[in-house]
C-alpha atoms as a PDB file:
ATOM      1  CA  UNK A   1      22.052  -6.813  53.216  1.00  0.00           C
ATOM      2  CA  UNK A   2      23.434  -4.743  56.008  1.00  0.00           C
ATOM      3  CA  UNK A   3      21.301  -1.521  56.803  1.00  0.00           C
ATOM      4  CA  UNK A   4      24.718   0.161  57.446  1.00  0.00           C
ATOM      5  CA  UNK A   5      25.686  -0.781  53.653  1.00  0.00           C
ATOM      6  CA  UNK A   6      22.338   0.849  52.489  1.00  0.00           C
ATOM      7  CA  UNK A   7      22.973   3.938  54.525  1.00  0.00           C
ATOM      8  CA  UNK A   8      26.361   4.694  53.576  1.00  0.00           C
ATOM      9  CA  UNK A   9      25.894   4.345  50.099  1.00  0.00           C
ATOM     10  CA  UNK A  10      22.794   6.851  50.570  1.00  0.00           C
ATOM     11  CA  UNK A  11      25.171   9.054  52.580  1.00  0.00           C
ATOM     12  CA  UNK A  12      27.455   9.072  49.782  1.00  0.00           C
ATOM     13  CA  UNK A  13      25.135  10.026  46.966  1.00  0.00           C
ATOM     14  CA  UNK A  14      23.251  12.449  49.089  1.00  0.00           C
ATOM     15  CA  UNK A  15      25.671  14.021  51.962  1.00  0.00           C
ATOM     16  CA  UNK A  16      23.443  15.602  53.961  1.00  0.00           C
ATOM     17  CA  UNK A  17      20.753  12.726  54.257  1.00  0.00           C
ATOM     18  CA  UNK A  18      19.609  11.015  57.331  1.00  0.00           C
ATOM     19  CA  UNK A  19      18.437   7.451  56.444  1.00  0.00           C
ATOM     20  CA  UNK A  20      16.261   5.240  58.577  1.00  0.00           C
ATOM     21  CA  UNK A  21      16.228   1.699  57.310  1.00  0.00           C
ATOM     22  CA  UNK A  22      13.881  -0.957  58.998  1.00  0.00           C
ATOM     23  CA  UNK A  23      13.719  -4.734  57.195  1.00  0.00           C
ATOM     24  CA  UNK A  24      16.286  -7.361  56.662  1.00  0.00           C
ATOM     25  CA  UNK A  25      17.761  -9.578  53.991  1.00  0.00           C
ATOM     26  CA  UNK A  26      17.213  -7.950  50.619  1.00  0.00           C
ATOM     27  CA  UNK A  27      13.858  -6.362  51.452  1.00  0.00           C
ATOM     28  CA  UNK A  28      13.852  -2.863  53.052  1.00  0.00           C
ATOM     29  CA  UNK A  29      11.891  -0.005  53.882  1.00  0.00           C
ATOM     30  CA  UNK A  30      14.306   3.850  54.071  1.00  0.00           C
ATOM     31  CA  UNK A  31      12.967   6.901  54.995  1.00  0.00           C
ATOM     32  CA  UNK A  32      15.497   9.276  53.342  1.00  0.00           C
ATOM     33  CA  UNK A  33      15.576  13.127  55.071  1.00  0.00           C
ATOM     34  CA  UNK A  34      17.462  15.589  53.034  1.00  0.00           C
ATOM     35  CA  UNK A  35      17.168  19.539  52.431  1.00  0.00           C
ATOM     36  CA  UNK A  36      18.185  19.065  49.161  1.00  0.00           C
ATOM     37  CA  UNK A  37      14.673  17.378  48.652  1.00  0.00           C
ATOM     38  CA  UNK A  38      13.212  20.888  49.028  1.00  0.00           C
ATOM     39  CA  UNK A  39      11.810  21.799  45.564  1.00  0.00           C
ATOM     40  CA  UNK A  40      11.702  18.425  44.264  1.00  0.00           C
ATOM     41  CA  UNK A  41       9.140  16.287  42.867  1.00  0.00           C
ATOM     42  CA  UNK A  42       8.527  13.130  44.484  1.00  0.00           C
ATOM     43  CA  UNK A  43       9.866  11.194  41.584  1.00  0.00           C
ATOM     44  CA  UNK A  44      12.948  13.142  41.202  1.00  0.00           C
ATOM     45  CA  UNK A  45      13.631  12.384  44.697  1.00  0.00           C
ATOM     46  CA  UNK A  46      13.421   8.669  44.508  1.00  0.00           C
ATOM     47  CA  UNK A  47      15.117   8.923  41.467  1.00  0.00           C
ATOM     48  CA  UNK A  48      17.773   9.800  43.387  1.00  0.00           C
ATOM     49  CA  UNK A  49      17.984   7.528  46.093  1.00  0.00           C
ATOM     50  CA  UNK A  50      17.855   4.553  44.059  1.00  0.00           C
ATOM     51  CA  UNK A  51      20.488   5.507  41.748  1.00  0.00           C
ATOM     52  CA  UNK A  52      22.811   4.596  44.671  1.00  0.00           C
ATOM     53  CA  UNK A  53      21.678   1.685  45.242  1.00  0.00           C
ATOM     54  CA  UNK A  54      20.701   0.523  41.278  1.00  0.00           C
ATOM     55  CA  UNK A  55      24.003  -2.302  41.519  1.00  0.00           C
ATOM     56  CA  UNK A  56      22.462  -3.833  44.466  1.00  0.00           C
ATOM     57  CA  UNK A  57      19.066  -4.524  43.016  1.00  0.00           C
ATOM     58  CA  UNK A  58      20.520  -5.573  39.812  1.00  0.00           C
ATOM     59  CA  UNK A  59      23.091  -7.814  41.672  1.00  0.00           C
ATOM     60  CA  UNK A  60      19.944  -9.405  43.112  1.00  0.00           C
ATOM     61  CA  UNK A  61      21.598  -8.680  47.099  1.00  0.00           C
ATOM     62  CA  UNK A  62      18.855  -6.105  47.310  1.00  0.00           C
ATOM     63  CA  UNK A  63      15.266  -7.474  45.890  1.00  0.00           C
ATOM     64  CA  UNK A  64      12.962  -4.777  46.847  1.00  0.00           C
ATOM     65  CA  UNK A  65      12.972  -1.454  48.435  1.00  0.00           C
ATOM     66  CA  UNK A  66      10.069   0.903  49.827  1.00  0.00           C
ATOM     67  CA  UNK A  67      10.749   4.494  49.902  1.00  0.00           C
ATOM     68  CA  UNK A  68       9.818   7.576  52.391  1.00  0.00           C
ATOM     69  CA  UNK A  69      11.342  10.584  51.052  1.00  0.00           C
ATOM     70  CA  UNK A  70      11.251  13.691  52.689  1.00  0.00           C
ATOM     71  CA  UNK A  71      12.521  17.550  53.883  1.00  0.00           C
ATOM     72  CA  UNK A  72      13.433  18.092  57.019  1.00  0.00           C
ATOM     73  CA  UNK A  73      10.406  20.531  57.118  1.00  0.00           C
ATOM     74  CA  UNK A  74       7.968  17.328  55.763  1.00  0.00           C
ATOM     75  CA  UNK A  75       9.062  15.058  58.050  1.00  0.00           C
ATOM     76  CA  UNK A  76       8.731  17.278  61.232  1.00  0.00           C
ATOM     77  CA  UNK A  77       4.756  18.094  60.155  1.00  0.00           C
END
């Protein structure tokens, strides 16, 4: 799996997202920063990101994802 593909998918779903991937193969850690996360609980943020990746997980192309989701303000602190 190419990390740029993950970035593109997430940014299509969350246009203002800054996506920072680390990992390789089919396992990635993703940090996603978006102002649109403001006021959203953690679970809703994660669901939004995972919705962009569900088909990759279902196909086995992406096996493991660890997420960190922040607003820009949270990422600075």
